[in-house]
Amino acid sequence: MSAEIKEYLQNDAVILDVRTLEEWNEGHIESSKHIVLNLIPLEIEQIKSWNKPVITVCRSGGRSGQAAQFLAQNGVDVINGGPWQNVAKEL
């Protein structure tokens, strides 16, 4: 998994944190963007407009998996990065 994360980061991927605001405020990756999971469908056009690959992250990997699946179905180049700390280690 980390090889894929590294590859995406080298390709200027956007890290998308889908946790709640409370979780985000407790700690997050400085350069990441924050869109709560249930708002992803409303923000799909904004996400597509980034024109970059996306790495989704959350607390354990469940919600980021759901987000990645939805984004992939909507034509976004995306991988599930799992827990945000996993991706933070690769930066």
C-alpha atoms as a PDB file:
ATOM      1  CA  MET A   1       0.000   0.000   0.000  1.00  0.00           C
ATOM      2  CA  SER A   2       2.699   2.507   0.923  1.00  0.00           C
ATOM      3  CA  ALA A   3       4.353   2.114  -2.502  1.00  0.00           C
ATOM      4  CA  GLU A   4       1.067   3.125  -4.100  1.00  0.00           C
ATOM      5  CA  ILE A   5       0.704   6.053  -1.684  1.00  0.00           C
ATOM      6  CA  LYS A   6       4.267   7.185  -2.497  1.00  0.00           C
ATOM      7  CA  GLU A   7       3.549   6.942  -6.209  1.00  0.00           C
ATOM      8  CA  TYR A   8       0.394   9.044  -5.858  1.00  0.00           C
ATOM      9  CA  LEU A   9       2.211  11.631  -3.738  1.00  0.00           C
ATOM     10  CA  GLN A  10       4.939  11.879  -6.386  1.00  0.00           C
ATOM     11  CA  ASN A  11       2.177  12.563  -8.903  1.00  0.00           C
ATOM     12  CA  ASP A  12       1.029  15.559  -6.858  1.00  0.00           C
ATOM     13  CA  ALA A  13      -2.024  13.810  -5.399  1.00  0.00           C
ATOM     14  CA  VAL A  14      -4.464  15.729  -3.215  1.00  0.00           C
ATOM     15  CA  ILE A  15      -4.918  14.179   0.232  1.00  0.00           C
ATOM     16  CA  LEU A  16      -8.630  14.270   1.039  1.00  0.00           C
ATOM     17  CA  ASP A  17      -9.568  13.781   4.698  1.00  0.00           C
ATOM     18  CA  VAL A  18     -13.193  12.635   5.068  1.00  0.00           C
ATOM     19  CA  ARG A  19     -13.413  12.574   8.889  1.00  0.00           C
ATOM     20  CA  THR A  20     -15.686  14.767  11.004  1.00  0.00           C
ATOM     21  CA  LEU A  21     -14.668  18.319  11.858  1.00  0.00           C
ATOM     22  CA  GLU A  22     -14.004  17.254  15.465  1.00  0.00           C
ATOM     23  CA  GLU A  23     -11.612  14.529  14.308  1.00  0.00           C
ATOM     24  CA  TRP A  24      -9.955  16.920  11.836  1.00  0.00           C
ATOM     25  CA  ASN A  25      -9.415  19.484  14.590  1.00  0.00           C
ATOM     26  CA  GLU A  26      -7.677  16.854  16.755  1.00  0.00           C
ATOM     27  CA  GLY A  27      -5.008  16.449  14.088  1.00  0.00           C
ATOM     28  CA  HIS A  28      -4.562  16.210  10.329  1.00  0.00           C
ATOM     29  CA  ILE A  29      -2.038  16.429   7.506  1.00  0.00           C
ATOM     30  CA  GLU A  30      -1.131  20.089   7.006  1.00  0.00           C
ATOM     31  CA  SER A  31      -1.511  20.007   3.212  1.00  0.00           C
ATOM     32  CA  SER A  32      -4.693  17.900   3.114  1.00  0.00           C
ATOM     33  CA  LYS A  33      -8.162  19.059   2.146  1.00  0.00           C
ATOM     34  CA  HIS A  34     -11.142  18.344   4.401  1.00  0.00           C
ATOM     35  CA  ILE A  35     -14.551  17.300   3.091  1.00  0.00           C
ATOM     36  CA  VAL A  36     -16.732  15.237   5.437  1.00  0.00           C
ATOM     37  CA  LEU A  37     -17.717  11.884   3.893  1.00  0.00           C
ATOM     38  CA  ASN A  38     -21.444  12.633   3.562  1.00  0.00           C
ATOM     39  CA  LEU A  39     -20.686  15.883   1.674  1.00  0.00           C
ATOM     40  CA  ILE A  40     -18.495  14.206  -0.978  1.00  0.00           C
ATOM     41  CA  PRO A  41     -21.409  13.759  -3.454  1.00  0.00           C
ATOM     42  CA  LEU A  42     -22.177  17.488  -3.186  1.00  0.00           C
ATOM     43  CA  GLU A  43     -18.526  18.401  -3.748  1.00  0.00           C
ATOM     44  CA  ILE A  44     -17.785  15.998  -6.619  1.00  0.00           C
ATOM     45  CA  GLU A  45     -17.448  18.798  -9.194  1.00  0.00           C
ATOM     46  CA  GLN A  46     -14.994  20.683  -6.967  1.00  0.00           C
ATOM     47  CA  ILE A  47     -12.974  17.496  -6.446  1.00  0.00           C
ATOM     48  CA  LYS A  48     -12.911  16.821 -10.194  1.00  0.00           C
ATOM     49  CA  SER A  49     -11.822  20.417 -10.824  1.00  0.00           C
ATOM     50  CA  TRP A  50      -8.583  19.791  -8.888  1.00  0.00           C
ATOM     51  CA  ASN A  51      -7.558  17.685 -11.898  1.00  0.00           C
ATOM     52  CA  LYS A  52      -5.195  15.640  -9.725  1.00  0.00           C
ATOM     53  CA  PRO A  53      -5.101  12.134  -8.342  1.00  0.00           C
ATOM     54  CA  VAL A  54      -6.665  11.830  -4.877  1.00  0.00           C
ATOM     55  CA  ILE A  55      -5.716   9.879  -1.749  1.00  0.00           C
ATOM     56  CA  THR A  56      -8.624   9.543   0.670  1.00  0.00           C
ATOM     57  CA  VAL A  57      -7.917   9.205   4.406  1.00  0.00           C
ATOM     58  CA  CYS A  58      -9.935   8.911   7.627  1.00  0.00           C
ATOM     59  CA  ARG A  59      -9.400   7.353  11.057  1.00  0.00           C
ATOM     60  CA  SER A  60      -9.313   3.649  10.227  1.00  0.00           C
ATOM     61  CA  GLY A  61      -9.806   3.320   6.466  1.00  0.00           C
ATOM     62  CA  GLY A  62     -13.543   2.538   6.351  1.00  0.00           C
ATOM     63  CA  ARG A  63     -14.910   5.953   5.470  1.00  0.00           C
ATOM     64  CA  SER A  64     -11.998   6.748   3.165  1.00  0.00           C
ATOM     65  CA  GLY A  65     -12.748   3.442   1.399  1.00  0.00           C
ATOM     66  CA  GLN A  66     -16.354   4.507   0.846  1.00  0.00           C
ATOM     67  CA  ALA A  67     -15.205   7.899  -0.421  1.00  0.00           C
ATOM     68  CA  ALA A  68     -12.636   6.322  -2.757  1.00  0.00           C
ATOM     69  CA  GLN A  69     -15.238   3.951  -4.169  1.00  0.00           C
ATOM     70  CA  PHE A  70     -17.678   6.804  -4.844  1.00  0.00           C
ATOM     71  CA  LEU A  71     -14.987   9.014  -6.409  1.00  0.00           C
ATOM     72  CA  ALA A  72     -13.730   6.158  -8.609  1.00  0.00           C
ATOM     73  CA  GLN A  73     -17.290   5.550  -9.846  1.00  0.00           C
ATOM     74  CA  ASN A  74     -17.379   9.227 -10.798  1.00  0.00           C
ATOM     75  CA  GLY A  75     -14.174   9.146 -12.832  1.00  0.00           C
ATOM     76  CA  VAL A  76     -11.655  10.366 -10.241  1.00  0.00           C
ATOM     77  CA  ASP A  77      -8.194   8.749 -10.103  1.00  0.00           C
ATOM     78  CA  VAL A  78      -8.250   7.774  -6.424  1.00  0.00           C
ATOM     79  CA  ILE A  79      -6.811   5.359  -3.862  1.00  0.00           C
ATOM     80  CA  ASN A  80      -7.816   4.712  -0.267  1.00  0.00           C
ATOM     81  CA  GLY A  81      -4.897   5.808   1.915  1.00  0.00           C
ATOM     82  CA  GLY A  82      -6.556   4.405   5.048  1.00  0.00           C
ATOM     83  CA  PRO A  83      -5.726   6.050   8.381  1.00  0.00           C
ATOM     84  CA  TRP A  84      -4.402   9.576   7.853  1.00  0.00           C
ATOM     85  CA  GLN A  85      -1.293   8.793   9.928  1.00  0.00           C
ATOM     86  CA  ASN A  86      -0.309   6.160   7.297  1.00  0.00           C
ATOM     87  CA  VAL A  87      -0.131   8.809   4.614  1.00  0.00           C
ATOM     88  CA  ALA A  88       1.522  11.340   6.957  1.00  0.00           C
ATOM     89  CA  LYS A  89       4.436   8.895   7.364  1.00  0.00           C
ATOM     90  CA  GLU A  90       5.047   8.999   3.614  1.00  0.00           C
ATOM     91  CA  LEU A  91       5.337  12.793   3.417  1.00  0.00           C
END
